[in-house]
C-alpha atoms as a PDB file:
ATOM      1  CA  UNK A   1      46.355 118.147 119.921  1.00  0.00           C
ATOM      2  CA  UNK A   2      46.125 120.445 122.927  1.00  0.00           C
ATOM      3  CA  UNK A   3      42.819 122.180 123.495  1.00  0.00           C
ATOM      4  CA  UNK A   4      42.525 126.132 123.193  1.00  0.00           C
ATOM      5  CA  UNK A   5      42.262 126.174 127.016  1.00  0.00           C
ATOM      6  CA  UNK A   6      45.537 124.278 127.368  1.00  0.00           C
ATOM      7  CA  UNK A   7      47.272 126.358 124.828  1.00  0.00           C
ATOM      8  CA  UNK A   8      46.125 129.434 126.602  1.00  0.00           C
ATOM      9  CA  UNK A   9      47.508 128.144 129.956  1.00  0.00           C
ATOM     10  CA  UNK A  10      50.839 127.232 128.087  1.00  0.00           C
ATOM     11  CA  UNK A  11      51.145 130.696 126.569  1.00  0.00           C
ATOM     12  CA  UNK A  12      50.375 132.268 129.815  1.00  0.00           C
ATOM     13  CA  UNK A  13      53.211 130.458 131.453  1.00  0.00           C
ATOM     14  CA  UNK A  14      55.746 131.622 128.646  1.00  0.00           C
ATOM     15  CA  UNK A  15      54.604 135.095 128.950  1.00  0.00           C
ATOM     16  CA  UNK A  16      55.705 134.943 132.570  1.00  0.00           C
ATOM     17  CA  UNK A  17      59.121 133.902 131.178  1.00  0.00           C
ATOM     18  CA  UNK A  18      59.431 129.957 131.471  1.00  0.00           C
ATOM     19  CA  UNK A  19      61.238 128.481 128.807  1.00  0.00           C
ATOM     20  CA  UNK A  20      59.211 125.344 128.663  1.00  0.00           C
ATOM     21  CA  UNK A  21      55.533 124.599 129.799  1.00  0.00           C
ATOM     22  CA  UNK A  22      53.109 121.757 129.360  1.00  0.00           C
ATOM     23  CA  UNK A  23      50.128 119.995 131.091  1.00  0.00           C
ATOM     24  CA  UNK A  24      49.941 116.500 132.516  1.00  0.00           C
ATOM     25  CA  UNK A  25      47.205 114.514 134.157  1.00  0.00           C
ATOM     26  CA  UNK A  26      47.091 114.531 137.999  1.00  0.00           C
ATOM     27  CA  UNK A  27      47.576 110.750 138.265  1.00  0.00           C
ATOM     28  CA  UNK A  28      49.441 108.515 140.815  1.00  0.00           C
ATOM     29  CA  UNK A  29      52.965 107.900 140.048  1.00  0.00           C
ATOM     30  CA  UNK A  30      53.742 104.696 138.054  1.00  0.00           C
ATOM     31  CA  UNK A  31      56.811 104.362 140.055  1.00  0.00           C
ATOM     32  CA  UNK A  32      55.270 104.059 143.503  1.00  0.00           C
ATOM     33  CA  UNK A  33      56.533 100.723 144.528  1.00  0.00           C
ATOM     34  CA  UNK A  34      60.051 101.681 143.303  1.00  0.00           C
ATOM     35  CA  UNK A  35      60.022 104.746 145.480  1.00  0.00           C
ATOM     36  CA  UNK A  36      58.832 103.045 148.478  1.00  0.00           C
ATOM     37  CA  UNK A  37      61.653 100.409 147.904  1.00  0.00           C
ATOM     38  CA  UNK A  38      64.162 103.260 147.447  1.00  0.00           C
ATOM     39  CA  UNK A  39      63.288 104.497 150.768  1.00  0.00           C
ATOM     40  CA  UNK A  40      63.337 101.177 152.345  1.00  0.00           C
ATOM     41  CA  UNK A  41      66.965 100.710 151.016  1.00  0.00           C
ATOM     42  CA  UNK A  42      68.044 104.015 152.863  1.00  0.00           C
ATOM     43  CA  UNK A  43      69.229 105.627 149.418  1.00  0.00           C
ATOM     44  CA  UNK A  44      67.548 108.936 150.601  1.00  0.00           C
ATOM     45  CA  UNK A  45      70.428 109.063 153.254  1.00  0.00           C
ATOM     46  CA  UNK A  46      69.760 111.711 156.081  1.00  0.00           C
ATOM     47  CA  UNK A  47      66.899 113.449 154.145  1.00  0.00           C
ATOM     48  CA  UNK A  48      64.158 112.287 156.426  1.00  0.00           C
ATOM     49  CA  UNK A  49      61.582 114.617 155.028  1.00  0.00           C
ATOM     50  CA  UNK A  50      61.338 112.224 152.084  1.00  0.00           C
ATOM     51  CA  UNK A  51      59.703 109.666 154.415  1.00  0.00           C
ATOM     52  CA  UNK A  52      56.968 112.277 155.295  1.00  0.00           C
ATOM     53  CA  UNK A  53      53.892 112.830 153.097  1.00  0.00           C
ATOM     54  CA  UNK A  54      54.764 109.924 150.747  1.00  0.00           C
ATOM     55  CA  UNK A  55      51.170 109.585 149.762  1.00  0.00           C
ATOM     56  CA  UNK A  56      51.057 113.104 148.542  1.00  0.00           C
ATOM     57  CA  UNK A  57      54.237 112.833 146.729  1.00  0.00           C
ATOM     58  CA  UNK A  58      52.987 109.592 144.958  1.00  0.00           C
ATOM     59  CA  UNK A  59      49.615 111.087 144.019  1.00  0.00           C
ATOM     60  CA  UNK A  60      48.977 114.881 143.548  1.00  0.00           C
ATOM     61  CA  UNK A  61      45.290 114.283 144.138  1.00  0.00           C
ATOM     62  CA  UNK A  62      46.355 113.873 147.790  1.00  0.00           C
ATOM     63  CA  UNK A  63      47.623 117.450 147.753  1.00  0.00           C
ATOM     64  CA  UNK A  64      44.326 118.862 146.305  1.00  0.00           C
ATOM     65  CA  UNK A  65      41.175 116.968 146.497  1.00  0.00           C
ATOM     66  CA  UNK A  66      39.638 116.907 143.032  1.00  0.00           C
ATOM     67  CA  UNK A  67      42.986 117.728 141.438  1.00  0.00           C
ATOM     68  CA  UNK A  68      42.722 116.698 137.720  1.00  0.00           C
ATOM     69  CA  UNK A  69      45.557 118.477 135.890  1.00  0.00           C
ATOM     70  CA  UNK A  70      49.190 119.535 136.683  1.00  0.00           C
ATOM     71  CA  UNK A  71      50.843 122.546 134.762  1.00  0.00           C
ATOM     72  CA  UNK A  72      54.497 122.017 134.489  1.00  0.00           C
ATOM     73  CA  UNK A  73      56.910 124.740 133.805  1.00  0.00           C
ATOM     74  CA  UNK A  74      60.943 124.781 133.474  1.00  0.00           C
ATOM     75  CA  UNK A  75      63.423 127.588 133.726  1.00  0.00           C
ATOM     76  CA  UNK A  76      66.638 127.264 131.879  1.00  0.00           C
ATOM     77  CA  UNK A  77      69.997 128.160 133.783  1.00  0.00           C
ATOM     78  CA  UNK A  78      73.610 128.404 132.435  1.00  0.00           C
ATOM     79  CA  UNK A  79      75.685 125.215 131.468  1.00  0.00           C
ATOM     80  CA  UNK A  80      78.545 126.694 129.731  1.00  0.00           C
ATOM     81  CA  UNK A  81      82.017 125.296 130.108  1.00  0.00           C
ATOM     82  CA  UNK A  82      83.928 126.563 133.213  1.00  0.00           C
ATOM     83  CA  UNK A  83      87.363 128.178 132.945  1.00  0.00           C
ATOM     84  CA  UNK A  84      90.314 126.628 134.802  1.00  0.00           C
ATOM     85  CA  UNK A  85      90.248 126.872 138.525  1.00  0.00           C
ATOM     86  CA  UNK A  86      92.566 129.424 140.455  1.00  0.00           C
ATOM     87  CA  UNK A  87      94.667 127.918 143.318  1.00  0.00           C
ATOM     88  CA  UNK A  88      92.131 128.238 146.016  1.00  0.00           C
ATOM     89  CA  UNK A  89      88.975 127.814 143.997  1.00  0.00           C
ATOM     90  CA  UNK A  90      86.110 125.428 144.975  1.00  0.00           C
ATOM     91  CA  UNK A  91      83.338 124.550 142.466  1.00  0.00           C
ATOM     92  CA  UNK A  92      79.637 125.275 142.833  1.00  0.00           C
ATOM     93  CA  UNK A  93      77.012 123.605 141.017  1.00  0.00           C
ATOM     94  CA  UNK A  94      75.518 125.905 138.238  1.00  0.00           C
ATOM     95  CA  UNK A  95      72.029 125.959 139.383  1.00  0.00           C
ATOM     96  CA  UNK A  96      73.124 127.692 142.689  1.00  0.00           C
ATOM     97  CA  UNK A  97      75.172 130.428 141.106  1.00  0.00           C
ATOM     98  CA  UNK A  98      72.326 132.775 140.428  1.00  0.00           C
ATOM     99  CA  UNK A  99      69.370 133.880 142.558  1.00  0.00           C
ATOM    100  CA  UNK A 100      67.551 131.288 144.415  1.00  0.00           C
ATOM    101  CA  UNK A 101      65.236 129.385 142.008  1.00  0.00           C
ATOM    102  CA  UNK A 102      62.693 128.709 144.791  1.00  0.00           C
ATOM    103  CA  UNK A 103      61.822 132.332 145.071  1.00  0.00           C
ATOM    104  CA  UNK A 104      62.285 133.160 141.415  1.00  0.00           C
ATOM    105  CA  UNK A 105      59.781 130.560 140.147  1.00  0.00           C
ATOM    106  CA  UNK A 106      57.382 130.845 143.001  1.00  0.00           C
ATOM    107  CA  UNK A 107      56.957 134.442 142.545  1.00  0.00           C
ATOM    108  CA  UNK A 108      55.755 133.862 139.050  1.00  0.00           C
ATOM    109  CA  UNK A 109      53.826 130.845 139.552  1.00  0.00           C
ATOM    110  CA  UNK A 110      51.800 132.705 142.120  1.00  0.00           C
ATOM    111  CA  UNK A 111      51.009 135.196 139.622  1.00  0.00           C
ATOM    112  CA  UNK A 112      49.891 132.571 137.097  1.00  0.00           C
ATOM    113  CA  UNK A 113      47.758 131.028 139.848  1.00  0.00           C
ATOM    114  CA  UNK A 114      46.110 134.445 140.684  1.00  0.00           C
ATOM    115  CA  UNK A 115      45.382 135.037 137.032  1.00  0.00           C
ATOM    116  CA  UNK A 116      43.804 131.591 136.278  1.00  0.00           C
ATOM    117  CA  UNK A 117      41.987 131.977 139.611  1.00  0.00           C
ATOM    118  CA  UNK A 118      40.594 135.235 138.349  1.00  0.00           C
ATOM    119  CA  UNK A 119      39.538 133.589 135.189  1.00  0.00           C
ATOM    120  CA  UNK A 120      38.261 130.364 136.792  1.00  0.00           C
ATOM    121  CA  UNK A 121      36.883 131.344 140.279  1.00  0.00           C
ATOM    122  CA  UNK A 122      35.584 127.985 141.082  1.00  0.00           C
ATOM    123  CA  UNK A 123      38.753 126.045 140.663  1.00  0.00           C
ATOM    124  CA  UNK A 124      41.820 125.561 142.816  1.00  0.00           C
ATOM    125  CA  UNK A 125      45.352 126.414 141.935  1.00  0.00           C
ATOM    126  CA  UNK A 126      48.506 125.352 143.962  1.00  0.00           C
ATOM    127  CA  UNK A 127      52.062 126.379 143.072  1.00  0.00           C
ATOM    128  CA  UNK A 128      54.783 123.925 143.872  1.00  0.00           C
ATOM    129  CA  UNK A 129      58.715 124.368 143.809  1.00  0.00           C
ATOM    130  CA  UNK A 130      60.446 121.704 145.657  1.00  0.00           C
ATOM    131  CA  UNK A 131      58.869 122.439 149.182  1.00  0.00           C
ATOM    132  CA  UNK A 132      55.729 120.770 148.314  1.00  0.00           C
ATOM    133  CA  UNK A 133      55.994 116.938 147.854  1.00  0.00           C
ATOM    134  CA  UNK A 134      55.588 116.332 144.397  1.00  0.00           C
ATOM    135  CA  UNK A 135      57.297 114.283 141.712  1.00  0.00           C
ATOM    136  CA  UNK A 136      57.974 117.220 139.392  1.00  0.00           C
ATOM    137  CA  UNK A 137      60.346 115.389 137.128  1.00  0.00           C
ATOM    138  CA  UNK A 138      58.003 112.525 136.311  1.00  0.00           C
ATOM    139  CA  UNK A 139      55.038 114.759 135.872  1.00  0.00           C
ATOM    140  CA  UNK A 140      57.092 117.231 133.549  1.00  0.00           C
ATOM    141  CA  UNK A 141      58.006 114.316 131.424  1.00  0.00           C
ATOM    142  CA  UNK A 142      54.122 113.131 131.527  1.00  0.00           C
ATOM    143  CA  UNK A 143      53.593 116.627 130.177  1.00  0.00           C
ATOM    144  CA  UNK A 144      55.813 116.190 127.317  1.00  0.00           C
ATOM    145  CA  UNK A 145      58.219 119.089 128.060  1.00  0.00           C
ATOM    146  CA  UNK A 146      61.144 116.779 128.265  1.00  0.00           C
ATOM    147  CA  UNK A 147      62.387 113.148 128.827  1.00  0.00           C
ATOM    148  CA  UNK A 148      64.081 111.707 131.841  1.00  0.00           C
ATOM    149  CA  UNK A 149      67.673 110.568 131.465  1.00  0.00           C
ATOM    150  CA  UNK A 150      69.426 107.630 133.040  1.00  0.00           C
ATOM    151  CA  UNK A 151      70.874 110.299 135.645  1.00  0.00           C
ATOM    152  CA  UNK A 152      67.185 110.871 136.627  1.00  0.00           C
ATOM    153  CA  UNK A 153      67.181 114.570 135.434  1.00  0.00           C
ATOM    154  CA  UNK A 154      64.704 116.054 132.686  1.00  0.00           C
ATOM    155  CA  UNK A 155      66.152 116.439 129.460  1.00  0.00           C
ATOM    156  CA  UNK A 156      64.899 118.832 126.637  1.00  0.00           C
ATOM    157  CA  UNK A 157      66.357 117.093 123.895  1.00  0.00           C
ATOM    158  CA  UNK A 158      68.604 119.226 121.636  1.00  0.00           C
ATOM    159  CA  UNK A 159      69.099 121.736 124.416  1.00  0.00           C
ATOM    160  CA  UNK A 160      70.034 119.663 127.636  1.00  0.00           C
ATOM    161  CA  UNK A 161      69.199 119.132 131.225  1.00  0.00           C
ATOM    162  CA  UNK A 162      70.147 122.572 132.639  1.00  0.00           C
ATOM    163  CA  UNK A 163      66.485 122.840 133.793  1.00  0.00           C
ATOM    164  CA  UNK A 164      64.693 123.879 137.098  1.00  0.00           C
ATOM    165  CA  UNK A 165      61.303 122.651 137.296  1.00  0.00           C
ATOM    166  CA  UNK A 166      57.991 124.044 138.930  1.00  0.00           C
ATOM    167  CA  UNK A 167      54.500 122.910 138.953  1.00  0.00           C
ATOM    168  CA  UNK A 168      50.810 124.197 139.655  1.00  0.00           C
ATOM    169  CA  UNK A 169      48.291 121.432 140.771  1.00  0.00           C
ATOM    170  CA  UNK A 170      44.901 122.390 139.921  1.00  0.00           C
ATOM    171  CA  UNK A 171      41.154 121.122 139.708  1.00  0.00           C
ATOM    172  CA  UNK A 172      40.735 122.916 136.248  1.00  0.00           C
ATOM    173  CA  UNK A 173      40.407 120.105 133.684  1.00  0.00           C
ATOM    174  CA  UNK A 174      42.980 120.594 131.023  1.00  0.00           C
ATOM    175  CA  UNK A 175      43.850 118.418 128.087  1.00  0.00           C
ATOM    176  CA  UNK A 176      47.504 117.134 128.384  1.00  0.00           C
ATOM    177  CA  UNK A 177      49.951 119.062 126.266  1.00  0.00           C
ATOM    178  CA  UNK A 178      51.266 116.132 124.427  1.00  0.00           C
ATOM    179  CA  UNK A 179      52.375 112.530 125.156  1.00  0.00           C
ATOM    180  CA  UNK A 180      55.565 111.307 126.859  1.00  0.00           C
ATOM    181  CA  UNK A 181      58.672 111.675 124.655  1.00  0.00           C
ATOM    182  CA  UNK A 182      60.997 108.771 123.739  1.00  0.00           C
ATOM    183  CA  UNK A 183      63.945 107.601 125.740  1.00  0.00           C
ATOM    184  CA  UNK A 184      66.845 110.083 125.462  1.00  0.00           C
ATOM    185  CA  UNK A 185      69.562 108.024 126.337  1.00  0.00           C
ATOM    186  CA  UNK A 186      69.498 104.584 124.402  1.00  0.00           C
ATOM    187  CA  UNK A 187      72.583 102.691 125.074  1.00  0.00           C
ATOM    188  CA  UNK A 188      74.535 105.716 126.388  1.00  0.00           C
ATOM    189  CA  UNK A 189      76.010 105.336 130.000  1.00  0.00           C
ATOM    190  CA  UNK A 190      78.307 108.449 130.247  1.00  0.00           C
ATOM    191  CA  UNK A 191      76.607 109.732 133.431  1.00  0.00           C
ATOM    192  CA  UNK A 192      76.975 106.335 135.010  1.00  0.00           C
ATOM    193  CA  UNK A 193      80.553 105.963 134.077  1.00  0.00           C
ATOM    194  CA  UNK A 194      81.612 109.526 135.059  1.00  0.00           C
ATOM    195  CA  UNK A 195      79.866 109.496 138.562  1.00  0.00           C
ATOM    196  CA  UNK A 196      82.973 109.347 140.943  1.00  0.00           C
ATOM    197  CA  UNK A 197      80.912 107.875 143.671  1.00  0.00           C
ATOM    198  CA  UNK A 198      79.084 105.322 141.570  1.00  0.00           C
ATOM    199  CA  UNK A 199      75.708 106.800 142.708  1.00  0.00           C
ATOM    200  CA  UNK A 200      73.917 106.271 139.575  1.00  0.00           C
ATOM    201  CA  UNK A 201      72.240 103.315 137.964  1.00  0.00           C
ATOM    202  CA  UNK A 202      69.903 103.546 135.081  1.00  0.00           C
ATOM    203  CA  UNK A 203      67.224 105.882 135.986  1.00  0.00           C
ATOM    204  CA  UNK A 204      68.066 105.766 139.662  1.00  0.00           C
ATOM    205  CA  UNK A 205      70.421 107.687 142.028  1.00  0.00           C
ATOM    206  CA  UNK A 206      71.547 106.486 145.404  1.00  0.00           C
ATOM    207  CA  UNK A 207      71.378 109.860 147.094  1.00  0.00           C
ATOM    208  CA  UNK A 208      73.363 108.718 150.110  1.00  0.00           C
ATOM    209  CA  UNK A 209      76.490 108.347 147.679  1.00  0.00           C
ATOM    210  CA  UNK A 210      75.577 111.443 145.668  1.00  0.00           C
ATOM    211  CA  UNK A 211      78.157 114.527 145.722  1.00  0.00           C
ATOM    212  CA  UNK A 212      75.101 116.899 145.682  1.00  0.00           C
ATOM    213  CA  UNK A 213      73.580 115.154 148.421  1.00  0.00           C
ATOM    214  CA  UNK A 214      76.784 114.829 150.481  1.00  0.00           C
ATOM    215  CA  UNK A 215      77.616 118.660 150.282  1.00  0.00           C
ATOM    216  CA  UNK A 216      74.164 119.844 150.448  1.00  0.00           C
ATOM    217  CA  UNK A 217      71.788 117.622 152.397  1.00  0.00           C
ATOM    218  CA  UNK A 218      74.097 115.566 154.655  1.00  0.00           C
ATOM    219  CA  UNK A 219      74.371 117.294 157.774  1.00  0.00           C
ATOM    220  CA  UNK A 220      76.819 114.962 159.759  1.00  0.00           C
ATOM    221  CA  UNK A 221      80.472 113.853 158.979  1.00  0.00           C
ATOM    222  CA  UNK A 222      81.038 112.694 155.556  1.00  0.00           C
ATOM    223  CA  UNK A 223      82.784 109.218 155.132  1.00  0.00           C
ATOM    224  CA  UNK A 224      86.324 109.928 154.222  1.00  0.00           C
ATOM    225  CA  UNK A 225      86.208 107.398 151.349  1.00  0.00           C
ATOM    226  CA  UNK A 226      84.221 110.007 149.623  1.00  0.00           C
ATOM    227  CA  UNK A 227      86.817 112.894 150.132  1.00  0.00           C
ATOM    228  CA  UNK A 228      88.825 112.406 147.007  1.00  0.00           C
ATOM    229  CA  UNK A 229      85.677 111.863 144.721  1.00  0.00           C
ATOM    230  CA  UNK A 230      84.197 115.096 146.224  1.00  0.00           C
ATOM    231  CA  UNK A 231      87.398 116.926 144.496  1.00  0.00           C
ATOM    232  CA  UNK A 232      86.856 120.759 144.253  1.00  0.00           C
ATOM    233  CA  UNK A 233      82.837 120.511 144.728  1.00  0.00           C
ATOM    234  CA  UNK A 234      81.860 122.763 147.777  1.00  0.00           C
ATOM    235  CA  UNK A 235      78.222 122.721 146.995  1.00  0.00           C
ATOM    236  CA  UNK A 236      76.598 120.434 144.611  1.00  0.00           C
ATOM    237  CA  UNK A 237      77.954 118.535 141.515  1.00  0.00           C
ATOM    238  CA  UNK A 238      77.421 118.736 137.707  1.00  0.00           C
ATOM    239  CA  UNK A 239      79.472 115.994 136.512  1.00  0.00           C
ATOM    240  CA  UNK A 240      76.579 113.759 135.178  1.00  0.00           C
ATOM    241  CA  UNK A 241      75.292 116.745 133.278  1.00  0.00           C
ATOM    242  CA  UNK A 242      78.779 117.992 132.182  1.00  0.00           C
ATOM    243  CA  UNK A 243      79.352 114.663 130.311  1.00  0.00           C
ATOM    244  CA  UNK A 244      75.866 114.025 129.010  1.00  0.00           C
ATOM    245  CA  UNK A 245      75.633 114.372 125.130  1.00  0.00           C
ATOM    246  CA  UNK A 246      72.438 116.300 125.261  1.00  0.00           C
ATOM    247  CA  UNK A 247      74.517 118.991 127.132  1.00  0.00           C
ATOM    248  CA  UNK A 248      77.380 119.387 124.568  1.00  0.00           C
ATOM    249  CA  UNK A 249      77.167 122.624 122.808  1.00  0.00           C
ATOM    250  CA  UNK A 250      75.091 123.067 119.713  1.00  0.00           C
ATOM    251  CA  UNK A 251      73.691 125.965 117.720  1.00  0.00           C
ATOM    252  CA  UNK A 252      70.504 125.480 119.390  1.00  0.00           C
ATOM    253  CA  UNK A 253      71.686 125.052 123.004  1.00  0.00           C
ATOM    254  CA  UNK A 254      73.850 128.099 122.746  1.00  0.00           C
ATOM    255  CA  UNK A 255      70.847 130.122 121.483  1.00  0.00           C
ATOM    256  CA  UNK A 256      68.380 128.842 124.005  1.00  0.00           C
ATOM    257  CA  UNK A 257      67.883 131.656 126.430  1.00  0.00           C
ATOM    258  CA  UNK A 258      68.938 131.624 130.212  1.00  0.00           C
ATOM    259  CA  UNK A 259      66.443 133.390 132.534  1.00  0.00           C
ATOM    260  CA  UNK A 260      68.074 136.534 133.719  1.00  0.00           C
ATOM    261  CA  UNK A 261      67.456 135.681 137.257  1.00  0.00           C
ATOM    262  CA  UNK A 262      70.123 132.848 137.003  1.00  0.00           C
ATOM    263  CA  UNK A 263      72.966 134.710 135.406  1.00  0.00           C
ATOM    264  CA  UNK A 264      76.042 133.836 137.670  1.00  0.00           C
ATOM    265  CA  UNK A 265      76.728 135.887 140.718  1.00  0.00           C
ATOM    266  CA  UNK A 266      79.600 133.871 141.552  1.00  0.00           C
ATOM    267  CA  UNK A 267      81.148 130.660 140.233  1.00  0.00           C
ATOM    268  CA  UNK A 268      83.643 129.434 142.834  1.00  0.00           C
ATOM    269  CA  UNK A 269      84.185 130.104 146.570  1.00  0.00           C
ATOM    270  CA  UNK A 270      87.747 130.574 147.950  1.00  0.00           C
ATOM    271  CA  UNK A 271      88.357 127.757 150.403  1.00  0.00           C
ATOM    272  CA  UNK A 272      90.851 129.522 152.543  1.00  0.00           C
ATOM    273  CA  UNK A 273      88.382 132.451 152.993  1.00  0.00           C
ATOM    274  CA  UNK A 274      85.451 129.976 153.577  1.00  0.00           C
ATOM    275  CA  UNK A 275      87.524 128.336 156.397  1.00  0.00           C
ATOM    276  CA  UNK A 276      87.556 131.760 158.194  1.00  0.00           C
ATOM    277  CA  UNK A 277      83.904 132.298 157.800  1.00  0.00           C
ATOM    278  CA  UNK A 278      81.560 133.302 160.690  1.00  0.00           C
ATOM    279  CA  UNK A 279      77.797 133.349 160.580  1.00  0.00           C
ATOM    280  CA  UNK A 280      77.663 136.851 159.318  1.00  0.00           C
ATOM    281  CA  UNK A 281      80.172 136.117 156.386  1.00  0.00           C
ATOM    282  CA  UNK A 282      78.246 133.125 155.290  1.00  0.00           C
ATOM    283  CA  UNK A 283      74.842 135.190 155.522  1.00  0.00           C
ATOM    284  CA  UNK A 284      76.236 137.946 153.301  1.00  0.00           C
ATOM    285  CA  UNK A 285      77.739 135.502 150.797  1.00  0.00           C
ATOM    286  CA  UNK A 286      74.562 133.632 150.521  1.00  0.00           C
ATOM    287  CA  UNK A 287      72.035 136.375 150.421  1.00  0.00           C
ATOM    288  CA  UNK A 288      69.268 135.583 147.973  1.00  0.00           C
ATOM    289  CA  UNK A 289      71.096 132.362 147.065  1.00  0.00           C
ATOM    290  CA  UNK A 290      69.644 128.783 147.354  1.00  0.00           C
ATOM    291  CA  UNK A 291      73.125 128.124 148.804  1.00  0.00           C
ATOM    292  CA  UNK A 292      71.929 129.036 152.196  1.00  0.00           C
ATOM    293  CA  UNK A 293      70.649 125.478 152.288  1.00  0.00           C
ATOM    294  CA  UNK A 294      74.214 124.696 153.663  1.00  0.00           C
ATOM    295  CA  UNK A 295      74.840 125.707 157.251  1.00  0.00           C
ATOM    296  CA  UNK A 296      78.078 127.258 158.318  1.00  0.00           C
ATOM    297  CA  UNK A 297      79.259 124.056 159.665  1.00  0.00           C
ATOM    298  CA  UNK A 298      78.398 122.248 156.435  1.00  0.00           C
ATOM    299  CA  UNK A 299      79.910 124.721 154.147  1.00  0.00           C
ATOM    300  CA  UNK A 300      83.075 124.973 156.198  1.00  0.00           C
ATOM    301  CA  UNK A 301      83.204 121.050 156.409  1.00  0.00           C
ATOM    302  CA  UNK A 302      83.187 121.040 152.721  1.00  0.00           C
ATOM    303  CA  UNK A 303      85.807 123.473 152.364  1.00  0.00           C
ATOM    304  CA  UNK A 304      88.101 121.397 154.629  1.00  0.00           C
ATOM    305  CA  UNK A 305      87.570 118.361 152.303  1.00  0.00           C
ATOM    306  CA  UNK A 306      88.425 120.675 149.066  1.00  0.00           C
ATOM    307  CA  UNK A 307      91.202 122.062 150.785  1.00  0.00           C
ATOM    308  CA  UNK A 308      92.629 118.365 151.481  1.00  0.00           C
ATOM    309  CA  UNK A 309      92.060 117.534 147.878  1.00  0.00           C
ATOM    310  CA  UNK A 310      94.058 120.614 146.793  1.00  0.00           C
ATOM    311  CA  UNK A 311      96.931 119.711 149.203  1.00  0.00           C
ATOM    312  CA  UNK A 312      96.805 116.117 147.781  1.00  0.00           C
ATOM    313  CA  UNK A 313      98.054 117.608 144.424  1.00  0.00           C
ATOM    314  CA  UNK A 314     100.349 120.424 145.565  1.00  0.00           C
ATOM    315  CA  UNK A 315     101.807 121.368 148.815  1.00  0.00           C
ATOM    316  CA  UNK A 316     100.549 124.775 150.220  1.00  0.00           C
ATOM    317  CA  UNK A 317     102.012 125.931 153.640  1.00  0.00           C
ATOM    318  CA  UNK A 318      98.938 128.341 154.143  1.00  0.00           C
ATOM    319  CA  UNK A 319      96.176 125.882 153.497  1.00  0.00           C
ATOM    320  CA  UNK A 320      98.105 123.298 155.636  1.00  0.00           C
ATOM    321  CA  UNK A 321      98.539 125.563 158.325  1.00  0.00           C
ATOM    322  CA  UNK A 322      94.974 126.563 158.476  1.00  0.00           C
ATOM    323  CA  UNK A 323      93.705 122.912 158.463  1.00  0.00           C
ATOM    324  CA  UNK A 324      96.107 122.339 161.434  1.00  0.00           C
ATOM    325  CA  UNK A 325      94.700 125.251 163.425  1.00  0.00           C
ATOM    326  CA  UNK A 326      91.259 123.928 162.917  1.00  0.00           C
ATOM    327  CA  UNK A 327      92.319 120.550 164.008  1.00  0.00           C
ATOM    328  CA  UNK A 328      93.796 121.543 167.033  1.00  0.00           C
ATOM    329  CA  UNK A 329      91.220 124.401 168.134  1.00  0.00           C
ATOM    330  CA  UNK A 330      89.028 122.816 170.909  1.00  0.00           C
ATOM    331  CA  UNK A 331      86.601 125.665 170.436  1.00  0.00           C
ATOM    332  CA  UNK A 332      86.241 124.905 166.715  1.00  0.00           C
ATOM    333  CA  UNK A 333      82.783 123.485 165.486  1.00  0.00           C
ATOM    334  CA  UNK A 334      82.967 119.842 166.085  1.00  0.00           C
ATOM    335  CA  UNK A 335      82.001 118.725 162.384  1.00  0.00           C
ATOM    336  CA  UNK A 336      84.643 120.980 161.042  1.00  0.00           C
ATOM    337  CA  UNK A 337      87.380 119.825 163.509  1.00  0.00           C
ATOM    338  CA  UNK A 338      86.672 116.210 163.087  1.00  0.00           C
ATOM    339  CA  UNK A 339      86.693 116.644 159.162  1.00  0.00           C
ATOM    340  CA  UNK A 340      89.900 118.566 159.470  1.00  0.00           C
ATOM    341  CA  UNK A 341      91.360 115.576 161.583  1.00  0.00           C
ATOM    342  CA  UNK A 342      90.112 113.042 158.933  1.00  0.00           C
ATOM    343  CA  UNK A 343      91.774 115.085 155.996  1.00  0.00           C
ATOM    344  CA  UNK A 344      95.044 115.522 157.943  1.00  0.00           C
ATOM    345  CA  UNK A 345      95.153 111.756 158.851  1.00  0.00           C
ATOM    346  CA  UNK A 346      94.799 110.967 155.145  1.00  0.00           C
ATOM    347  CA  UNK A 347      97.932 113.094 154.321  1.00  0.00           C
ATOM    348  CA  UNK A 348     100.416 111.690 156.807  1.00  0.00           C
END
């Protein structure tokens, strides 16, 4: 059972609007050799930053000397079923449809750190949301706020995996909230079976094949063999979560509150419009959004691929003309132009 000190910290996190909160020991990852092998196999793709600070990523005590505890938190975002797409619609992963979670979570985590530091002036508190190398999911699972599924995402059983994670690494000694939860998947392989690029094996994702990686992190040309699988996804992918039994609507999941900062600002992007974007148009569209992670050349490259997939289903003179213009324009961005050439070659 958690101590009064741990319960007070969890209550503080919840008072700042976090849906889930727990405490895990600041201990070295039990998957250290697996992660090193994953990097060695190149499954991180072009995410070279994952090769940096591996020692910190594997052990939070390398981030803060004397760290003993990690306070883990989660925000819940929307996972409702999408309506049918309009003719030029592309799809956006649900986590990116609201305000940028990095800023939303950090703002509140910093406030929690300040409050705890005021009460415990001799202790250190460090807020972490993605930008700090930390295995948030493993730590969150150790804190007992959820369990990791075969798609490698944290699942709050009975509510789902539509969760955004953050953490506070601290020297403050806190008893763990509770033990790890049981395997949430059993014999289920729906996420593995549904992944169109076969990126998922049990409890591991080959990021170099993942649509989320390809559309968000991969900054060069995308292998044309992945074009059909990308389908309408212009930024990210939710397929493994959409098919997960834990994410199917229930009374509890429908009633679970979504933080107001993640209410949808937009659900789709019009590919015909994106193909004409300049830097200002991209900046205006992505203001305050985590979608700014994709540079102009990348989001237009993705739009070209989605446009090609739309054309594969139905002829559209306007869309075809736009891709042909991009292909022929010598002043066009090389990444966008080469992608248009690959798409049009596939449609000959």
